[in-house]
Amino acid sequence: MPAAMIIRISFASIPSLPPIRMADAAKPQEAVQRSVLRATFRYNGVGTELIEKYHTAPVKIAKAFPVQKQLAVIVMDVSPGMLEGDVYEMEWTAGSRTHTMITNQSFMKIHPCYGGGTASLTQTFDLEAGAVMENMPEPVMLYKEASLLSDTTIRLSAGSVWMGADVLCPGRGLRGERFVYRDYDNRLSVYLGEELIFAQRQWINPARQRLQAKGSWEKATHWAYFYVFSDEVGGELVNKLQATIDGYKSPAAHNVTAAASLTYKHGAVVSACSTAAWPLQELMRLLWDTTRDALFGMPPLRLLQG
């Protein structure tokens, strides 16, 4: 099987683009279903414990598992997915020296938004000194005419580590859906103390953008990111992430293109694309394994994947 292709991109010569008008991007409206989840973790001298949780339907913490000297949490959505007007708000607070892994039970499914509105997901992660949070959810699936506004804020302290992965699917392939969702507005802001160290916004509107153009998505249909943010991240970790990419063998039917890069400050990002979700999920897990070993000397963690 062919090895994963590597693309290294320099943004130094790319002219700045005009800002996206809010009229063009997803806009939240009055909520049809507002669901709130809040969780606080504390180190008790032996390990991490969940000391406070609050939720309103349909989202809740299904179970918390002590595993490998950390706490693993599974988030459950008892609804069929996010509908037009739904607002999910999740707040995660990690006390000093805690170590938490967060995942969910299945794909996050975004249903059609025929009324012109959107579904909205807001997440905040607050990490005190020395805390570790690993956020490894299942992929996002955008149905026909779906619209999602996803806004994530991460606040780090000295010695804390946040890592996570996103995998985006273009629709239900067996139903013939591919890039027929309305739009996807994904925003990420990362702070170390009061300093903004990373900001990213990805806005996809398939009807208005030439995603298959050269230099854009071309033949790719699925996209993934792996992030690591900490004041302990440096070039050594990026080299290990790139070595993991170099050693990954793409499936014959679904070539994977990926590359690792340092961010402006205190971070590393891997961007990857393919024509199916599962090879990207496989690569994201390998990158996660590499990071756990490099930063903590810990073995791979598999909860739902076995």
C-alpha atoms as a PDB file:
ATOM      1  CA  MET A   1       0.000   0.000   0.000  1.00  0.00           C
ATOM      2  CA  PRO A   2       1.276   3.522  -0.708  1.00  0.00           C
ATOM      3  CA  ALA A   3       2.670   5.559   2.148  1.00  0.00           C
ATOM      4  CA  ALA A   4       0.875   8.695   3.290  1.00  0.00           C
ATOM      5  CA  MET A   5       1.740  11.717   1.160  1.00  0.00           C
ATOM      6  CA  ILE A   6       3.353  14.694   2.908  1.00  0.00           C
ATOM      7  CA  ILE A   7       2.601  18.299   2.050  1.00  0.00           C
ATOM      8  CA  ARG A   8       4.464  21.136   3.760  1.00  0.00           C
ATOM      9  CA  ILE A   9       2.829  24.517   3.316  1.00  0.00           C
ATOM     10  CA  SER A  10       4.287  27.953   3.929  1.00  0.00           C
ATOM     11  CA  PHE A  11       1.784  30.729   4.577  1.00  0.00           C
ATOM     12  CA  ALA A  12       4.346  33.498   4.402  1.00  0.00           C
ATOM     13  CA  SER A  13       3.514  34.496   0.823  1.00  0.00           C
ATOM     14  CA  ILE A  14      -0.255  34.013   0.940  1.00  0.00           C
ATOM     15  CA  PRO A  15      -2.109  37.350   0.908  1.00  0.00           C
ATOM     16  CA  SER A  16      -4.631  37.942   3.675  1.00  0.00           C
ATOM     17  CA  LEU A  17      -8.182  37.117   2.728  1.00  0.00           C
ATOM     18  CA  PRO A  18     -11.151  39.394   3.326  1.00  0.00           C
ATOM     19  CA  PRO A  19     -13.086  38.536   6.475  1.00  0.00           C
ATOM     20  CA  ILE A  20     -16.196  36.394   6.138  1.00  0.00           C
ATOM     21  CA  ARG A  21     -19.320  38.457   6.558  1.00  0.00           C
ATOM     22  CA  MET A  22     -21.627  37.159   9.262  1.00  0.00           C
ATOM     23  CA  ALA A  23     -24.391  37.095   6.674  1.00  0.00           C
ATOM     24  CA  ASP A  24     -22.400  34.399   4.862  1.00  0.00           C
ATOM     25  CA  ALA A  25     -21.594  32.249   7.880  1.00  0.00           C
ATOM     26  CA  ALA A  26     -23.720  30.235  10.237  1.00  0.00           C
ATOM     27  CA  LYS A  27     -25.625  32.383  12.727  1.00  0.00           C
ATOM     28  CA  PRO A  28     -27.206  31.111  15.931  1.00  0.00           C
ATOM     29  CA  GLN A  29     -30.905  31.762  16.481  1.00  0.00           C
ATOM     30  CA  GLU A  30     -33.407  31.170  19.242  1.00  0.00           C
ATOM     31  CA  ALA A  31     -32.808  27.684  20.576  1.00  0.00           C
ATOM     32  CA  VAL A  32     -35.251  24.879  19.906  1.00  0.00           C
ATOM     33  CA  GLN A  33     -33.411  22.640  22.377  1.00  0.00           C
ATOM     34  CA  ARG A  34     -30.767  24.061  24.729  1.00  0.00           C
ATOM     35  CA  SER A  35     -28.650  21.446  26.457  1.00  0.00           C
ATOM     36  CA  VAL A  36     -25.993  22.291  29.037  1.00  0.00           C
ATOM     37  CA  LEU A  37     -23.248  20.038  30.385  1.00  0.00           C
ATOM     38  CA  ARG A  38     -20.781  21.131  33.064  1.00  0.00           C
ATOM     39  CA  ALA A  39     -18.129  18.956  34.697  1.00  0.00           C
ATOM     40  CA  THR A  40     -15.338  19.671  37.191  1.00  0.00           C
ATOM     41  CA  PHE A  41     -12.421  17.345  37.942  1.00  0.00           C
ATOM     42  CA  ARG A  42     -10.102  17.266  40.969  1.00  0.00           C
ATOM     43  CA  TYR A  43      -6.907  15.422  41.847  1.00  0.00           C
ATOM     44  CA  ASN A  44      -7.472  13.651  45.185  1.00  0.00           C
ATOM     45  CA  GLY A  45      -3.865  12.634  45.883  1.00  0.00           C
ATOM     46  CA  VAL A  46      -4.268   9.244  44.206  1.00  0.00           C
ATOM     47  CA  GLY A  47      -5.969  10.012  40.909  1.00  0.00           C
ATOM     48  CA  THR A  48      -8.559  12.149  39.150  1.00  0.00           C
ATOM     49  CA  GLU A  49     -12.173  12.237  40.280  1.00  0.00           C
ATOM     50  CA  LEU A  50     -15.315  13.873  38.934  1.00  0.00           C
ATOM     51  CA  ILE A  51     -16.424  16.111  41.801  1.00  0.00           C
ATOM     52  CA  GLU A  52     -19.211  18.062  40.128  1.00  0.00           C
ATOM     53  CA  LYS A  53     -21.445  17.529  37.127  1.00  0.00           C
ATOM     54  CA  TYR A  54     -24.597  19.131  35.792  1.00  0.00           C
ATOM     55  CA  HIS A  55     -26.515  18.409  32.637  1.00  0.00           C
ATOM     56  CA  THR A  56     -29.816  19.037  30.916  1.00  0.00           C
ATOM     57  CA  ALA A  57     -31.257  16.671  28.309  1.00  0.00           C
ATOM     58  CA  PRO A  58     -30.427  15.363  25.810  1.00  0.00           C
ATOM     59  CA  VAL A  59     -26.677  15.459  26.630  1.00  0.00           C
ATOM     60  CA  LYS A  60     -25.196  13.868  29.730  1.00  0.00           C
ATOM     61  CA  ILE A  61     -22.123  12.067  31.045  1.00  0.00           C
ATOM     62  CA  ALA A  62     -22.940   8.395  30.578  1.00  0.00           C
ATOM     63  CA  LYS A  63     -20.062   6.993  32.600  1.00  0.00           C
ATOM     64  CA  ALA A  64     -16.671   7.861  34.101  1.00  0.00           C
ATOM     65  CA  PHE A  65     -13.967   5.158  34.164  1.00  0.00           C
ATOM     66  CA  PRO A  66     -10.710   5.243  36.178  1.00  0.00           C
ATOM     67  CA  VAL A  67      -8.117   3.883  33.750  1.00  0.00           C
ATOM     68  CA  GLN A  68      -4.309   4.122  33.586  1.00  0.00           C
ATOM     69  CA  LYS A  69      -4.113   6.594  36.499  1.00  0.00           C
ATOM     70  CA  GLN A  70      -6.519   8.966  34.780  1.00  0.00           C
ATOM     71  CA  LEU A  71     -10.277   9.369  34.379  1.00  0.00           C
ATOM     72  CA  ALA A  72     -12.062   8.587  31.110  1.00  0.00           C
ATOM     73  CA  VAL A  73     -15.468  10.165  30.502  1.00  0.00           C
ATOM     74  CA  ILE A  74     -18.078   9.176  27.911  1.00  0.00           C
ATOM     75  CA  VAL A  75     -20.613  11.786  26.783  1.00  0.00           C
ATOM     76  CA  MET A  76     -23.998  10.496  25.603  1.00  0.00           C
ATOM     77  CA  ASP A  77     -26.595  12.269  23.462  1.00  0.00           C
ATOM     78  CA  VAL A  78     -29.953  10.542  23.879  1.00  0.00           C
ATOM     79  CA  SER A  79     -31.435  12.401  20.899  1.00  0.00           C
ATOM     80  CA  PRO A  80     -30.998  11.313  17.247  1.00  0.00           C
ATOM     81  CA  GLY A  81     -28.584  14.224  16.756  1.00  0.00           C
ATOM     82  CA  MET A  82     -28.598  18.010  16.589  1.00  0.00           C
ATOM     83  CA  LEU A  83     -31.612  19.595  14.910  1.00  0.00           C
ATOM     84  CA  GLU A  84     -32.053  23.089  13.546  1.00  0.00           C
ATOM     85  CA  GLY A  85     -31.982  25.589  16.400  1.00  0.00           C
ATOM     86  CA  ASP A  86     -30.447  23.182  18.916  1.00  0.00           C
ATOM     87  CA  VAL A  87     -27.813  24.709  21.193  1.00  0.00           C
ATOM     88  CA  TYR A  88     -25.350  22.510  23.095  1.00  0.00           C
ATOM     89  CA  GLU A  89     -23.081  24.134  25.690  1.00  0.00           C
ATOM     90  CA  MET A  90     -20.324  22.076  27.335  1.00  0.00           C
ATOM     91  CA  GLU A  91     -17.998  23.389  30.049  1.00  0.00           C
ATOM     92  CA  TRP A  92     -15.057  21.311  31.267  1.00  0.00           C
ATOM     93  CA  THR A  93     -12.939  22.400  34.251  1.00  0.00           C
ATOM     94  CA  ALA A  94      -9.756  20.491  35.087  1.00  0.00           C
ATOM     95  CA  GLY A  95      -8.206  21.103  38.497  1.00  0.00           C
ATOM     96  CA  SER A  96      -4.468  21.112  39.080  1.00  0.00           C
ATOM     97  CA  ARG A  97      -2.694  17.803  38.271  1.00  0.00           C
ATOM     98  CA  THR A  98      -5.848  16.106  36.964  1.00  0.00           C
ATOM     99  CA  HIS A  99      -5.704  13.855  33.905  1.00  0.00           C
ATOM    100  CA  THR A 100      -8.920  13.361  31.951  1.00  0.00           C
ATOM    101  CA  MET A 101      -9.888  11.800  28.635  1.00  0.00           C
ATOM    102  CA  ILE A 102     -13.207  12.761  27.025  1.00  0.00           C
ATOM    103  CA  THR A 103     -15.018  10.986  24.204  1.00  0.00           C
ATOM    104  CA  ASN A 104     -18.591  10.327  23.025  1.00  0.00           C
ATOM    105  CA  GLN A 105     -20.572   7.234  22.091  1.00  0.00           C
ATOM    106  CA  SER A 106     -21.050   7.771  18.358  1.00  0.00           C
ATOM    107  CA  PHE A 107     -20.823  10.222  15.487  1.00  0.00           C
ATOM    108  CA  MET A 108     -22.214  13.704  16.147  1.00  0.00           C
ATOM    109  CA  LYS A 109     -25.037  13.866  13.587  1.00  0.00           C
ATOM    110  CA  ILE A 110     -26.255  17.235  12.320  1.00  0.00           C
ATOM    111  CA  HIS A 111     -29.736  17.020  10.777  1.00  0.00           C
ATOM    112  CA  PRO A 112     -31.171  19.168   7.945  1.00  0.00           C
ATOM    113  CA  CYS A 113     -31.799  22.836   8.737  1.00  0.00           C
ATOM    114  CA  TYR A 114     -34.494  23.590   6.176  1.00  0.00           C
ATOM    115  CA  GLY A 115     -35.646  26.759   7.931  1.00  0.00           C
ATOM    116  CA  GLY A 116     -32.407  28.646   7.290  1.00  0.00           C
ATOM    117  CA  GLY A 117     -31.163  28.373  10.872  1.00  0.00           C
ATOM    118  CA  THR A 118     -28.298  26.375  12.309  1.00  0.00           C
ATOM    119  CA  ALA A 119     -27.308  24.028  15.119  1.00  0.00           C
ATOM    120  CA  SER A 120     -24.792  25.430  17.605  1.00  0.00           C
ATOM    121  CA  LEU A 121     -22.128  23.717  19.727  1.00  0.00           C
ATOM    122  CA  THR A 122     -20.095  25.751  22.242  1.00  0.00           C
ATOM    123  CA  GLN A 123     -17.318  24.116  24.263  1.00  0.00           C
ATOM    124  CA  THR A 124     -14.940  25.565  26.861  1.00  0.00           C
ATOM    125  CA  PHE A 125     -11.992  23.784  28.469  1.00  0.00           C
ATOM    126  CA  ASP A 126     -10.370  25.412  31.525  1.00  0.00           C
ATOM    127  CA  LEU A 127      -7.155  23.739  32.696  1.00  0.00           C
ATOM    128  CA  GLU A 128      -5.350  24.630  35.906  1.00  0.00           C
ATOM    129  CA  ALA A 129      -1.601  24.156  36.397  1.00  0.00           C
ATOM    130  CA  GLY A 130      -0.355  20.701  35.433  1.00  0.00           C
ATOM    131  CA  ALA A 131      -3.755  19.466  34.248  1.00  0.00           C
ATOM    132  CA  VAL A 132      -4.096  17.217  31.178  1.00  0.00           C
ATOM    133  CA  MET A 133      -7.189  16.891  28.984  1.00  0.00           C
ATOM    134  CA  GLU A 134      -7.458  14.553  26.005  1.00  0.00           C
ATOM    135  CA  ASN A 135     -10.541  15.244  23.880  1.00  0.00           C
ATOM    136  CA  MET A 136     -11.044  12.453  21.341  1.00  0.00           C
ATOM    137  CA  PRO A 137     -14.648  12.505  20.060  1.00  0.00           C
ATOM    138  CA  GLU A 138     -16.139  10.500  17.218  1.00  0.00           C
ATOM    139  CA  PRO A 139     -16.457  12.256  13.821  1.00  0.00           C
ATOM    140  CA  VAL A 140     -18.981  14.955  12.884  1.00  0.00           C
ATOM    141  CA  MET A 141     -21.525  13.938  10.223  1.00  0.00           C
ATOM    142  CA  LEU A 142     -23.304  16.716   8.314  1.00  0.00           C
ATOM    143  CA  TYR A 143     -26.540  15.587   6.669  1.00  0.00           C
ATOM    144  CA  LYS A 144     -28.103  17.196   3.581  1.00  0.00           C
ATOM    145  CA  GLU A 145     -28.952  20.887   4.254  1.00  0.00           C
ATOM    146  CA  ALA A 146     -27.265  20.711   7.670  1.00  0.00           C
ATOM    147  CA  SER A 147     -25.674  23.792   9.225  1.00  0.00           C
ATOM    148  CA  LEU A 148     -23.363  23.772  12.261  1.00  0.00           C
ATOM    149  CA  LEU A 149     -21.665  26.543  14.206  1.00  0.00           C
ATOM    150  CA  SER A 150     -18.976  25.017  16.456  1.00  0.00           C
ATOM    151  CA  ASP A 151     -17.062  27.356  18.789  1.00  0.00           C
ATOM    152  CA  THR A 152     -14.351  25.982  21.118  1.00  0.00           C
ATOM    153  CA  THR A 153     -12.285  27.925  23.665  1.00  0.00           C
ATOM    154  CA  ILE A 154      -9.336  26.397  25.540  1.00  0.00           C
ATOM    155  CA  ARG A 155      -7.701  28.150  28.503  1.00  0.00           C
ATOM    156  CA  LEU A 156      -4.350  26.723  29.605  1.00  0.00           C
ATOM    157  CA  SER A 157      -2.200  27.300  32.665  1.00  0.00           C
ATOM    158  CA  ALA A 158       1.504  26.637  33.240  1.00  0.00           C
ATOM    159  CA  GLY A 159       2.369  22.989  32.618  1.00  0.00           C
ATOM    160  CA  SER A 160      -1.124  22.028  31.455  1.00  0.00           C
ATOM    161  CA  VAL A 161      -1.723  20.031  28.247  1.00  0.00           C
ATOM    162  CA  TRP A 162      -4.777  19.891  25.982  1.00  0.00           C
ATOM    163  CA  MET A 163      -4.890  17.573  22.993  1.00  0.00           C
ATOM    164  CA  GLY A 164      -7.735  16.588  20.709  1.00  0.00           C
ATOM    165  CA  ALA A 165      -8.860  15.516  17.267  1.00  0.00           C
ATOM    166  CA  ASP A 166     -11.628  16.496  14.834  1.00  0.00           C
ATOM    167  CA  VAL A 167     -12.811  14.383  11.887  1.00  0.00           C
ATOM    168  CA  LEU A 168     -15.348  15.889   9.478  1.00  0.00           C
ATOM    169  CA  CYS A 169     -17.549  13.799   7.138  1.00  0.00           C
ATOM    170  CA  PRO A 170     -19.266  15.356   4.062  1.00  0.00           C
ATOM    171  CA  GLY A 171     -22.559  13.472   4.461  1.00  0.00           C
ATOM    172  CA  ARG A 172     -24.110  10.003   4.453  1.00  0.00           C
ATOM    173  CA  GLY A 173     -22.296   8.353   1.566  1.00  0.00           C
ATOM    174  CA  LEU A 174     -24.656   5.383   1.269  1.00  0.00           C
ATOM    175  CA  ARG A 175     -27.513   7.853   0.746  1.00  0.00           C
ATOM    176  CA  GLY A 176     -25.586   9.670  -1.967  1.00  0.00           C
ATOM    177  CA  GLU A 177     -24.868  12.686   0.244  1.00  0.00           C
ATOM    178  CA  ARG A 178     -21.552  14.373  -0.418  1.00  0.00           C
ATOM    179  CA  PHE A 179     -21.051  18.079   0.224  1.00  0.00           C
ATOM    180  CA  VAL A 180     -24.777  18.784   0.169  1.00  0.00           C
ATOM    181  CA  TYR A 181     -24.819  20.283   3.667  1.00  0.00           C
ATOM    182  CA  ARG A 182     -25.372  24.039   3.830  1.00  0.00           C
ATOM    183  CA  ASP A 183     -22.369  25.171   5.851  1.00  0.00           C
ATOM    184  CA  TYR A 184     -19.919  24.344   8.617  1.00  0.00           C
ATOM    185  CA  ASP A 185     -18.430  27.154  10.715  1.00  0.00           C
ATOM    186  CA  ASN A 186     -15.716  25.821  13.051  1.00  0.00           C
ATOM    187  CA  ARG A 187     -13.877  28.209  15.406  1.00  0.00           C
ATOM    188  CA  LEU A 188     -11.070  27.453  17.864  1.00  0.00           C
ATOM    189  CA  SER A 189      -9.323  29.836  20.277  1.00  0.00           C
ATOM    190  CA  VAL A 190      -6.538  28.817  22.680  1.00  0.00           C
ATOM    191  CA  TYR A 191      -5.187  30.940  25.537  1.00  0.00           C
ATOM    192  CA  LEU A 192      -2.189  30.437  27.809  1.00  0.00           C
ATOM    193  CA  GLY A 193      -3.017  32.601  30.775  1.00  0.00           C
ATOM    194  CA  GLU A 194      -4.338  35.791  29.211  1.00  0.00           C
ATOM    195  CA  GLU A 195      -2.385  35.408  25.969  1.00  0.00           C
ATOM    196  CA  LEU A 196      -4.116  34.205  22.819  1.00  0.00           C
ATOM    197  CA  ILE A 197      -1.670  31.656  21.384  1.00  0.00           C
ATOM    198  CA  PHE A 198      -3.799  30.078  18.632  1.00  0.00           C
ATOM    199  CA  ALA A 199      -6.885  31.013  16.647  1.00  0.00           C
ATOM    200  CA  GLN A 200      -8.430  29.146  13.743  1.00  0.00           C
ATOM    201  CA  ARG A 201     -11.631  29.487  11.783  1.00  0.00           C
ATOM    202  CA  GLN A 202     -12.776  27.044   9.129  1.00  0.00           C
ATOM    203  CA  TRP A 203     -15.875  27.975   7.150  1.00  0.00           C
ATOM    204  CA  ILE A 204     -17.134  25.561   4.504  1.00  0.00           C
ATOM    205  CA  ASN A 205     -20.042  26.371   2.210  1.00  0.00           C
ATOM    206  CA  PRO A 206     -20.033  23.704  -0.527  1.00  0.00           C
ATOM    207  CA  ALA A 207     -22.548  25.500  -2.743  1.00  0.00           C
ATOM    208  CA  ARG A 208     -20.395  28.629  -2.892  1.00  0.00           C
ATOM    209  CA  GLN A 209     -16.853  27.239  -2.736  1.00  0.00           C
ATOM    210  CA  ARG A 210     -14.920  25.260  -5.329  1.00  0.00           C
ATOM    211  CA  LEU A 211     -13.789  22.511  -2.981  1.00  0.00           C
ATOM    212  CA  GLN A 212     -12.544  20.257  -5.790  1.00  0.00           C
ATOM    213  CA  ALA A 213     -10.292  22.962  -7.271  1.00  0.00           C
ATOM    214  CA  LYS A 214      -6.528  22.497  -7.370  1.00  0.00           C
ATOM    215  CA  GLY A 215      -4.989  23.562  -4.095  1.00  0.00           C
ATOM    216  CA  SER A 216      -8.292  23.103  -2.282  1.00  0.00           C
ATOM    217  CA  TRP A 217      -9.765  19.739  -1.260  1.00  0.00           C
ATOM    218  CA  GLU A 218      -9.342  18.330  -4.786  1.00  0.00           C
ATOM    219  CA  LYS A 219     -10.432  14.646  -4.585  1.00  0.00           C
ATOM    220  CA  ALA A 220     -10.556  14.565  -0.782  1.00  0.00           C
ATOM    221  CA  THR A 221     -13.939  14.339   0.927  1.00  0.00           C
ATOM    222  CA  HIS A 222     -13.029  13.940   4.623  1.00  0.00           C
ATOM    223  CA  TRP A 223     -10.788  16.164   6.749  1.00  0.00           C
ATOM    224  CA  ALA A 224      -9.171  15.776  10.153  1.00  0.00           C
ATOM    225  CA  TYR A 225      -7.073  17.793  12.601  1.00  0.00           C
ATOM    226  CA  PHE A 226      -5.007  16.675  15.564  1.00  0.00           C
ATOM    227  CA  TYR A 227      -4.030  19.392  18.049  1.00  0.00           C
ATOM    228  CA  VAL A 228      -1.646  19.576  21.015  1.00  0.00           C
ATOM    229  CA  PHE A 229      -1.326  22.755  23.073  1.00  0.00           C
ATOM    230  CA  SER A 230       1.015  23.266  26.026  1.00  0.00           C
ATOM    231  CA  ASP A 231       3.981  25.360  27.067  1.00  0.00           C
ATOM    232  CA  GLU A 232       5.884  22.047  26.940  1.00  0.00           C
ATOM    233  CA  VAL A 233       5.305  21.485  23.199  1.00  0.00           C
ATOM    234  CA  GLY A 234       8.296  21.974  20.901  1.00  0.00           C
ATOM    235  CA  GLY A 235      10.032  20.773  17.781  1.00  0.00           C
ATOM    236  CA  GLU A 236      10.849  17.341  19.212  1.00  0.00           C
ATOM    237  CA  LEU A 237       7.162  16.450  19.460  1.00  0.00           C
ATOM    238  CA  VAL A 238       6.452  17.716  15.944  1.00  0.00           C
ATOM    239  CA  ASN A 239       9.251  15.528  14.601  1.00  0.00           C
ATOM    240  CA  LYS A 240       7.717  12.503  16.314  1.00  0.00           C
ATOM    241  CA  LEU A 241       4.280  13.336  14.923  1.00  0.00           C
ATOM    242  CA  GLN A 242       5.743  13.668  11.431  1.00  0.00           C
ATOM    243  CA  ALA A 243       7.544  10.340  11.844  1.00  0.00           C
ATOM    244  CA  THR A 244       4.203   8.752  12.734  1.00  0.00           C
ATOM    245  CA  ILE A 245       2.693  10.195   9.564  1.00  0.00           C
ATOM    246  CA  ASP A 246       5.646   8.983   7.501  1.00  0.00           C
ATOM    247  CA  GLY A 247       5.224   5.472   8.889  1.00  0.00           C
ATOM    248  CA  TYR A 248       1.485   5.279   8.290  1.00  0.00           C
ATOM    249  CA  LYS A 249       0.469   3.128   5.322  1.00  0.00           C
ATOM    250  CA  SER A 250      -2.592   4.477   3.548  1.00  0.00           C
ATOM    251  CA  PRO A 251      -5.297   1.999   2.476  1.00  0.00           C
ATOM    252  CA  ALA A 252      -5.145   1.367  -1.266  1.00  0.00           C
ATOM    253  CA  ALA A 253      -8.638   2.774  -1.819  1.00  0.00           C
ATOM    254  CA  HIS A 254      -8.308   5.778   0.495  1.00  0.00           C
ATOM    255  CA  ASN A 255      -5.025   7.631   0.236  1.00  0.00           C
ATOM    256  CA  VAL A 256      -4.228   9.890   3.192  1.00  0.00           C
ATOM    257  CA  THR A 257      -2.421  13.212   2.799  1.00  0.00           C
ATOM    258  CA  ALA A 258      -1.098  14.665   6.062  1.00  0.00           C
ATOM    259  CA  ALA A 259       1.569  16.877   7.602  1.00  0.00           C
ATOM    260  CA  ALA A 260       2.579  18.140  11.060  1.00  0.00           C
ATOM    261  CA  SER A 261       3.578  21.676  11.960  1.00  0.00           C
ATOM    262  CA  LEU A 262       4.372  23.841  14.965  1.00  0.00           C
ATOM    263  CA  THR A 263       1.918  26.637  15.646  1.00  0.00           C
ATOM    264  CA  TYR A 264       2.995  30.221  16.322  1.00  0.00           C
ATOM    265  CA  LYS A 265       3.492  29.468  19.994  1.00  0.00           C
ATOM    266  CA  HIS A 266       3.077  26.471  22.357  1.00  0.00           C
ATOM    267  CA  GLY A 267       1.314  24.124  19.989  1.00  0.00           C
ATOM    268  CA  ALA A 268       1.452  21.509  17.243  1.00  0.00           C
ATOM    269  CA  VAL A 269      -1.162  20.698  14.605  1.00  0.00           C
ATOM    270  CA  VAL A 270      -1.565  17.845  12.125  1.00  0.00           C
ATOM    271  CA  SER A 271      -3.863  18.381   9.147  1.00  0.00           C
ATOM    272  CA  ALA A 272      -4.986  15.332   7.164  1.00  0.00           C
ATOM    273  CA  CYS A 273      -7.457  14.506   4.404  1.00  0.00           C
ATOM    274  CA  SER A 274      -8.745  11.375   2.683  1.00  0.00           C
ATOM    275  CA  THR A 275     -11.821   9.906   0.983  1.00  0.00           C
ATOM    276  CA  ALA A 276     -13.164   8.042   4.046  1.00  0.00           C
ATOM    277  CA  ALA A 277     -13.399   8.673   7.772  1.00  0.00           C
ATOM    278  CA  TRP A 278     -11.894   5.449   9.103  1.00  0.00           C
ATOM    279  CA  PRO A 279      -8.319   5.926   7.787  1.00  0.00           C
ATOM    280  CA  LEU A 280      -8.299   9.417   9.324  1.00  0.00           C
ATOM    281  CA  GLN A 281      -9.596   8.023  12.627  1.00  0.00           C
ATOM    282  CA  GLU A 282      -6.845   5.402  12.488  1.00  0.00           C
ATOM    283  CA  LEU A 283      -4.172   8.044  11.901  1.00  0.00           C
ATOM    284  CA  MET A 284      -5.588  10.320  14.644  1.00  0.00           C
ATOM    285  CA  ARG A 285      -5.342   7.435  17.137  1.00  0.00           C
ATOM    286  CA  LEU A 286      -1.713   6.792  16.161  1.00  0.00           C
ATOM    287  CA  LEU A 287      -0.874  10.477  16.620  1.00  0.00           C
ATOM    288  CA  TRP A 288      -2.621  10.399  19.986  1.00  0.00           C
ATOM    289  CA  ASP A 289      -0.542   7.359  20.967  1.00  0.00           C
ATOM    290  CA  THR A 290       2.641   9.148  19.909  1.00  0.00           C
ATOM    291  CA  THR A 291       1.782  12.230  21.958  1.00  0.00           C
ATOM    292  CA  ARG A 292       0.888  10.260  25.098  1.00  0.00           C
ATOM    293  CA  ASP A 293       4.203   8.438  24.908  1.00  0.00           C
ATOM    294  CA  ALA A 294       6.248  11.558  24.136  1.00  0.00           C
ATOM    295  CA  LEU A 295       4.753  13.805  26.831  1.00  0.00           C
ATOM    296  CA  PHE A 296       3.780  11.362  29.605  1.00  0.00           C
ATOM    297  CA  GLY A 297       5.508   8.055  28.825  1.00  0.00           C
ATOM    298  CA  MET A 298       2.053   6.433  28.855  1.00  0.00           C
ATOM    299  CA  PRO A 299       0.802   3.584  26.632  1.00  0.00           C
ATOM    300  CA  PRO A 300      -2.136   3.914  24.207  1.00  0.00           C
ATOM    301  CA  LEU A 301      -5.589   4.327  25.702  1.00  0.00           C
ATOM    302  CA  ARG A 302      -8.521   2.548  24.041  1.00  0.00           C
ATOM    303  CA  LEU A 303     -11.926   2.885  25.617  1.00  0.00           C
ATOM    304  CA  LEU A 304     -14.674   2.377  23.031  1.00  0.00           C
ATOM    305  CA  GLN A 305     -12.375   1.148  20.264  1.00  0.00           C
ATOM    306  CA  GLY A 306     -11.169  -1.858  22.271  1.00  0.00           C
END
